[in-house]
Every structure is written in structure tokens, then in C-alpha cells.
């Protein structure tokens, strides 16, 4: 049986009717809003994430839910939030943070010491593990030295399209299992007994909602950008457009880090030198 036929067939395992047309309609909404592809193979995932919203609205089918969100922007946003994948961890793809700490941080730290500004951007930051990792890796376990640098003009912008994960990120409180990948010295320096990230780090990060396919309010350029493991959900034209915008918002001489299975489009790649595993140094405007 094809995916379409399976979707169209009644299923005793499902609480709500969910047809092939329902899946197509949701896929169009998500693609238009976020650029994320949800092919038929993702149908069960889509149903699993939408069904709780159908139940919360007191409706009897996904089709009825689609009618409701046509006139209910708040509920539509809740559906988009539910359909956003937010898989991350502390020190995920740690080679990127090692590269930044060795290649970029010494000169950026010197700039801070001299009264200059440093701007970093964690795009699609999910629940905050990436930006907190970034600062911990750069600042190390010497808290006194870190405090001096954090008094300078250092800001890390961390954005995500999902309001729910941003709440977790701002709180900076994680489970012991989530924190197990943080090296012991850094954990003892930056994580307190309540399993909460030190306020020094939290205050250095601005967590903001942002759709990578929408308008970007940022005017200045960044010294480094992490945009990792989000482009795997996009088609090629969307990837190329996003990468070009990221390059435009990066200083020449700055670094762009993308996910291990992602690659720069040919036109964008001309503006960078690949200097490490999915680590790109911007060499031309």
C-alpha cells in the first residue's frame, strides 16, 4: 500500500481522521511559513505532533483543525511550533567550538580587552545548549578571567522560530542527563547545584524569536555564525537563499559553521574558504 493509500485508509490506531489531503495541506503551510519539507514519509510524525493540538481544541478531525487555523493565527503558530524539530545537545559537533576557540577567540578576546565589540549568532539555537556551549568553550574554566571579558562589549544572539524552546533556553535549567556531555571542569564552573547555567552566561546571550525565512531585524554584522543542522530540512533553493543571507551578515574574516551533513551552495561557497569540517572562513564580500 502506498503512503497516500495508507493515509486515506481508516486506522483504528488513530484518534482522529487524518487523510492524504490533510497531510498535504499541513505540509504546504509549514513549507510556506518555515521552508521545512514534510514529505509523505513524515506523515506519522506530522499526525503525532498535530493530534494533541486537535484534542486541545476539542475537535474531531485534522480537517476540522485545518479549518480552525485558517482563521486562528495563534493556533496556527502553536501547530508550527509543534512541528518544529528541536534535537540538540551540549557540545554537539564539538570540533566547531574547538575551531572557534583556537582560530577566532584569541583575537576576539583581545578586541574585547581593548574596548572593541564582538558579535556572535547562534541561528536555530533550539533549547539553548548550542549558545551556552559556545561561550563555555571560549571562556574556559577560569571564571575570573571570563568575568573580565564578559564585562566587555560581547553579545551572543541566539534565535529560534519556536517560542517553547526559547523559554527553556532563557531559563537555562537542564536535566542531569542533558548536562552529562559538558566536560567536568566546565560543568563545575558554569552549572550550579540546581543544574542551572550561571547568570553570567545567561546575561551574555540574547534569546530572540526569529524565522530564518522571514525578515531579519539585525543591522550589524557578526564575527561568527553557527547555523547547524537546520538546512537539512530545506530544499536546495531555500538553502542557497539562506546561506547567501548568512554570508551577507558575516564580517569578512568571520566564521560560518554548518551541520556535518550540510554543504554550501556553489555560488555561496565562492565567498568562503573551507578551513575545517563544515567550518568556513569568509574571504570576500
Protein backbone atom coordinates (compact mmCIF):
# COMPACT_ATOMS: atom_id res chain seq x y z
CA UNK A 1 0.00 0.00 0.00
CA UNK A 2 1.33 3.45 -0.90
CA UNK A 3 1.79 6.21 1.66
CA UNK A 4 -1.16 8.06 0.15
CA UNK A 5 -3.39 4.99 0.35
CA UNK A 6 -2.31 4.31 3.90
CA UNK A 7 -3.19 7.84 4.88
CA UNK A 8 -6.58 7.64 3.19
CA UNK A 9 -7.50 4.32 4.84
CA UNK A 10 -9.30 4.40 8.21
CA UNK A 11 -6.98 3.47 11.06
CA UNK A 12 -8.14 2.09 14.39
CA UNK A 13 -4.83 3.25 15.83
CA UNK A 14 -5.60 6.91 15.23
CA UNK A 15 -7.80 9.01 17.46
CA UNK A 16 -8.61 11.49 14.66
CA UNK A 17 -9.23 11.16 10.93
CA UNK A 18 -6.08 12.12 9.02
CA UNK A 19 -6.15 11.94 5.22
CA UNK A 20 -3.59 12.38 2.49
CA UNK A 21 -5.19 15.77 1.73
CA UNK A 22 -4.77 16.79 5.39
CA UNK A 23 -1.08 15.92 5.26
CA UNK A 24 -0.60 17.85 2.02
CA UNK A 25 -2.34 20.90 3.46
CA UNK A 26 -0.19 20.89 6.60
CA UNK A 27 2.95 20.36 4.53
CA UNK A 28 2.12 23.40 2.40
CA UNK A 29 1.52 25.57 5.46
CA UNK A 30 4.81 24.51 7.07
CA UNK A 31 6.80 24.92 3.86
CA UNK A 32 5.38 28.36 3.15
CA UNK A 33 5.97 29.54 6.71
CA UNK A 34 9.26 27.87 7.62
CA UNK A 35 10.71 26.33 4.47
CA UNK A 36 10.64 22.87 6.10
CA UNK A 37 9.85 19.88 3.88
CA UNK A 38 7.41 17.30 5.23
CA UNK A 39 7.12 14.57 2.57
CA UNK A 40 4.64 11.70 2.79
CA UNK A 41 7.20 9.62 4.66
CA UNK A 42 6.81 12.06 7.57
CA UNK A 43 3.03 11.56 7.77
CA UNK A 44 3.05 9.65 11.06
CA UNK A 45 5.37 12.24 12.63
CA UNK A 46 3.04 15.03 11.46
CA UNK A 47 -0.02 13.27 12.85
CA UNK A 48 1.72 12.56 16.17
CA UNK A 49 2.53 16.23 16.66
CA UNK A 50 -0.74 17.67 15.40
CA UNK A 51 -3.09 15.27 17.20
CA UNK A 52 -2.52 16.84 20.67
CA UNK A 53 -3.46 20.23 19.24
CA UNK A 54 -6.64 18.78 17.67
CA UNK A 55 -7.51 17.30 21.07
CA UNK A 56 -6.74 20.56 22.90
CA UNK A 57 -9.12 22.41 20.58
CA UNK A 58 -11.90 19.89 21.20
CA UNK A 59 -12.17 18.92 17.54
CA UNK A 60 -12.92 15.56 15.93
CA UNK A 61 -10.61 15.51 12.92
CA UNK A 62 -7.49 17.05 11.44
CA UNK A 63 -9.65 18.50 8.67
CA UNK A 64 -11.66 20.42 11.25
CA UNK A 65 -8.43 21.62 12.82
CA UNK A 66 -7.22 22.91 9.45
CA UNK A 67 -10.43 24.91 9.12
CA UNK A 68 -9.86 26.43 12.55
CA UNK A 69 -6.26 27.51 11.95
CA UNK A 70 -7.30 29.21 8.73
CA UNK A 71 -8.82 31.93 10.93
CA UNK A 72 -6.80 31.48 14.12
CA UNK A 73 -3.24 32.76 13.79
CA UNK A 74 -2.35 31.92 17.40
CA UNK A 75 -3.33 28.27 16.98
CA UNK A 76 -1.57 28.13 13.63
CA UNK A 77 1.59 29.28 15.38
CA UNK A 78 1.12 26.56 18.02
CA UNK A 79 0.91 23.98 15.24
CA UNK A 80 4.08 25.30 13.61
CA UNK A 81 5.82 25.19 16.97
CA UNK A 82 4.71 21.57 17.47
CA UNK A 83 6.03 20.60 14.03
CA UNK A 84 9.47 22.10 14.56
CA UNK A 85 12.19 19.55 15.27
CA UNK A 86 14.41 20.60 18.18
CA UNK A 87 17.11 17.98 18.61
CA UNK A 88 20.31 19.32 20.16
CA UNK A 89 22.82 18.66 22.93
CA UNK A 90 25.70 20.28 24.78
CA UNK A 91 28.98 20.08 22.84
CA UNK A 92 27.30 18.58 19.80
CA UNK A 93 29.84 18.53 16.94
CA UNK A 94 32.44 19.81 19.37
CA UNK A 95 35.04 20.33 16.64
CA UNK A 96 33.30 23.58 15.72
CA UNK A 97 33.76 25.01 19.20
CA UNK A 98 37.37 23.82 19.26
CA UNK A 99 37.99 25.55 15.93
CA UNK A 100 36.40 28.79 17.13
CA UNK A 101 38.33 28.74 20.41
CA UNK A 102 41.64 28.25 18.61
CA UNK A 103 41.11 30.23 15.41
CA UNK A 104 38.89 33.14 16.40
CA UNK A 105 38.67 33.58 20.15
CA UNK A 106 42.22 34.81 20.94
CA UNK A 107 41.88 37.84 18.66
CA UNK A 108 38.27 38.46 19.67
CA UNK A 109 39.21 38.31 23.36
CA UNK A 110 41.98 40.81 22.69
CA UNK A 111 39.48 43.04 20.94
CA UNK A 112 37.21 42.92 23.99
CA UNK A 113 40.12 43.74 26.28
CA UNK A 114 40.90 46.76 24.09
CA UNK A 115 37.32 48.04 24.27
CA UNK A 116 36.08 46.64 20.94
CA UNK A 117 32.87 44.79 20.22
CA UNK A 118 32.26 41.12 19.47
CA UNK A 119 29.05 39.76 17.99
CA UNK A 120 28.15 36.08 17.62
CA UNK A 121 24.97 34.46 16.33
CA UNK A 122 23.57 31.02 17.11
CA UNK A 123 20.86 30.64 14.47
CA UNK A 124 18.23 27.95 15.15
CA UNK A 125 19.53 27.67 18.72
CA UNK A 126 16.73 25.33 19.87
CA UNK A 127 16.65 24.93 23.67
CA UNK A 128 19.92 26.79 24.24
CA UNK A 129 22.57 24.10 24.50
CA UNK A 130 24.48 25.43 21.49
CA UNK A 131 24.96 29.06 22.60
CA UNK A 132 25.78 28.04 26.18
CA UNK A 133 28.32 25.52 24.85
CA UNK A 134 29.82 28.19 22.61
CA UNK A 135 30.51 30.56 25.50
CA UNK A 136 31.71 27.84 27.86
CA UNK A 137 34.15 26.52 25.25
CA UNK A 138 35.52 30.00 24.52
CA UNK A 139 35.73 31.28 28.09
CA UNK A 140 37.00 28.08 29.67
CA UNK A 141 37.04 27.25 33.38
CA UNK A 142 38.80 30.41 34.64
CA UNK A 143 35.77 32.30 35.89
CA UNK A 144 37.69 35.39 36.99
CA UNK A 145 39.19 35.85 33.53
CA UNK A 146 35.80 35.16 31.98
CA UNK A 147 34.15 37.81 34.15
CA UNK A 148 36.59 40.43 32.87
CA UNK A 149 35.83 39.54 29.26
CA UNK A 150 32.09 39.41 29.84
CA UNK A 151 32.21 42.98 31.12
CA UNK A 152 33.23 44.00 27.61
CA UNK A 153 31.00 44.55 24.58
CA UNK A 154 30.28 40.88 23.90
CA UNK A 155 26.84 39.74 22.81
CA UNK A 156 25.69 36.38 21.54
CA UNK A 157 22.39 36.47 19.68
CA UNK A 158 20.54 33.14 19.87
CA UNK A 159 17.41 32.77 17.74
CA UNK A 160 14.82 30.13 17.03
CA UNK A 161 11.39 30.03 15.44
CA UNK A 162 9.94 28.02 18.35
CA UNK A 163 8.70 30.05 21.36
CA UNK A 164 8.55 26.95 23.57
CA UNK A 165 12.22 26.02 23.20
CA UNK A 166 13.27 29.64 23.72
CA UNK A 167 11.56 29.56 27.14
CA UNK A 168 13.75 26.60 28.08
CA UNK A 169 16.83 28.34 26.71
CA UNK A 170 16.22 31.53 28.69
CA UNK A 171 15.69 29.58 31.91
CA UNK A 172 18.98 27.75 31.35
CA UNK A 173 17.95 24.81 33.54
CA UNK A 174 18.61 21.29 32.28
CA UNK A 175 18.42 17.71 33.44
CA UNK A 176 21.46 15.88 34.73
CA UNK A 177 21.30 13.62 31.67
CA UNK A 178 21.31 16.60 29.32
CA UNK A 179 24.33 18.08 31.10
CA UNK A 180 26.38 14.87 31.08
CA UNK A 181 28.19 15.89 27.85
CA UNK A 182 29.56 19.08 29.44
CA UNK A 183 33.21 18.50 30.47
CA UNK A 184 33.60 18.22 34.24
CA UNK A 185 35.70 21.38 34.72
CA UNK A 186 33.30 23.49 32.71
CA UNK A 187 30.30 21.95 34.44
CA UNK A 188 31.69 22.78 37.88
CA UNK A 189 32.43 26.35 36.75
CA UNK A 190 29.25 27.21 34.87
CA UNK A 191 26.47 24.91 36.18
CA UNK A 192 25.19 25.32 39.73
CA UNK A 193 23.73 22.76 42.14
CA UNK A 194 20.24 23.34 40.73
CA UNK A 195 21.53 22.32 37.27
CA UNK A 196 21.14 25.89 36.04
CA UNK A 197 23.55 27.80 33.82
CA UNK A 198 25.43 30.62 35.58
CA UNK A 199 23.75 34.05 35.19
CA UNK A 200 27.00 35.43 33.74
CA UNK A 201 26.46 33.29 30.66
CA UNK A 202 22.70 33.78 30.53
CA UNK A 203 23.10 37.56 30.65
CA UNK A 204 25.58 37.49 27.76
CA UNK A 205 23.05 35.81 25.45
CA UNK A 206 20.01 37.44 23.87
CA UNK A 207 17.41 34.78 23.10
CA UNK A 208 15.02 36.06 20.43
CA UNK A 209 12.32 34.56 18.18
CA UNK A 210 13.29 34.57 14.51
CA UNK A 211 12.08 32.79 11.39
CA UNK A 212 15.15 32.27 9.20
CA UNK A 213 12.94 32.66 6.12
CA UNK A 214 11.38 35.91 7.34
CA UNK A 215 12.63 39.43 7.92
CA UNK A 216 15.82 39.83 9.95
CA UNK A 217 15.96 42.91 12.18
CA UNK A 218 19.74 42.74 12.74
CA UNK A 219 21.62 45.63 11.12
CA UNK A 220 25.23 44.89 12.07
CA UNK A 221 27.44 42.00 11.02
CA UNK A 222 28.67 39.07 13.08
CA UNK A 223 32.16 37.77 13.76
CA UNK A 224 30.93 34.17 13.70
CA UNK A 225 27.65 32.40 12.97
CA UNK A 226 26.53 28.89 13.88
CA UNK A 227 23.66 27.68 11.70
CA UNK A 228 23.83 23.94 12.14
CA UNK A 229 21.52 21.05 11.32
CA UNK A 230 18.58 23.16 10.24
CA UNK A 231 19.22 23.30 6.48
CA UNK A 232 18.75 19.52 6.25
CA UNK A 233 15.00 20.26 6.35
CA UNK A 234 15.12 22.69 3.40
CA UNK A 235 15.11 22.23 -0.37
CA UNK A 236 18.06 23.45 -2.44
CA UNK A 237 16.69 26.89 -3.41
CA UNK A 238 15.81 27.64 0.23
CA UNK A 239 19.26 26.52 1.39
CA UNK A 240 21.01 28.71 -1.18
CA UNK A 241 18.95 31.77 -0.27
CA UNK A 242 19.54 31.29 3.46
CA UNK A 243 23.28 30.73 3.01
CA UNK A 244 23.59 33.90 0.94
CA UNK A 245 21.83 35.91 3.65
CA UNK A 246 24.05 34.40 6.33
CA UNK A 247 27.14 35.34 4.31
CA UNK A 248 25.85 38.90 3.93
CA UNK A 249 25.51 39.18 7.73
CA UNK A 250 29.02 37.90 8.41
CA UNK A 251 32.15 40.04 8.61
CA UNK A 252 34.88 39.29 6.08
CA UNK A 253 37.31 37.18 8.10
CA UNK A 254 34.45 35.76 10.15
CA UNK A 255 33.49 32.12 10.52
CA UNK A 256 30.37 30.22 9.45
CA UNK A 257 29.73 26.80 10.99
CA UNK A 258 27.09 24.48 9.49
CA UNK A 259 25.97 20.93 10.28
CA UNK A 260 28.08 17.87 9.48
CA UNK A 261 25.78 16.72 6.65
CA UNK A 262 25.27 20.19 5.15
CA UNK A 263 27.21 21.85 2.33
CA UNK A 264 27.40 25.36 0.92
CA UNK A 265 25.77 26.00 -2.45
CA UNK A 266 28.29 26.61 -5.26
CA UNK A 267 27.63 30.36 -5.53
CA UNK A 268 27.93 30.93 -1.78
CA UNK A 269 30.99 28.68 -1.48
CA UNK A 270 32.92 31.14 -3.68
CA UNK A 271 32.82 33.63 -0.80
CA UNK A 272 34.44 31.22 1.68
CA UNK A 273 37.48 29.05 2.29
CA UNK A 274 36.71 25.69 3.89
CA UNK A 275 39.18 25.57 6.79
CA UNK A 276 37.82 22.59 8.75
CA UNK A 277 34.93 20.15 8.94
CA UNK A 278 31.95 22.24 7.78
CA UNK A 279 33.85 25.31 9.04
CA UNK A 280 34.06 28.19 6.58
CA UNK A 281 36.13 31.38 6.69
CA UNK A 282 34.56 34.27 4.79
CA UNK A 283 37.16 35.68 2.38
CA UNK A 284 35.12 38.01 0.15
CA UNK A 285 32.02 40.14 0.32
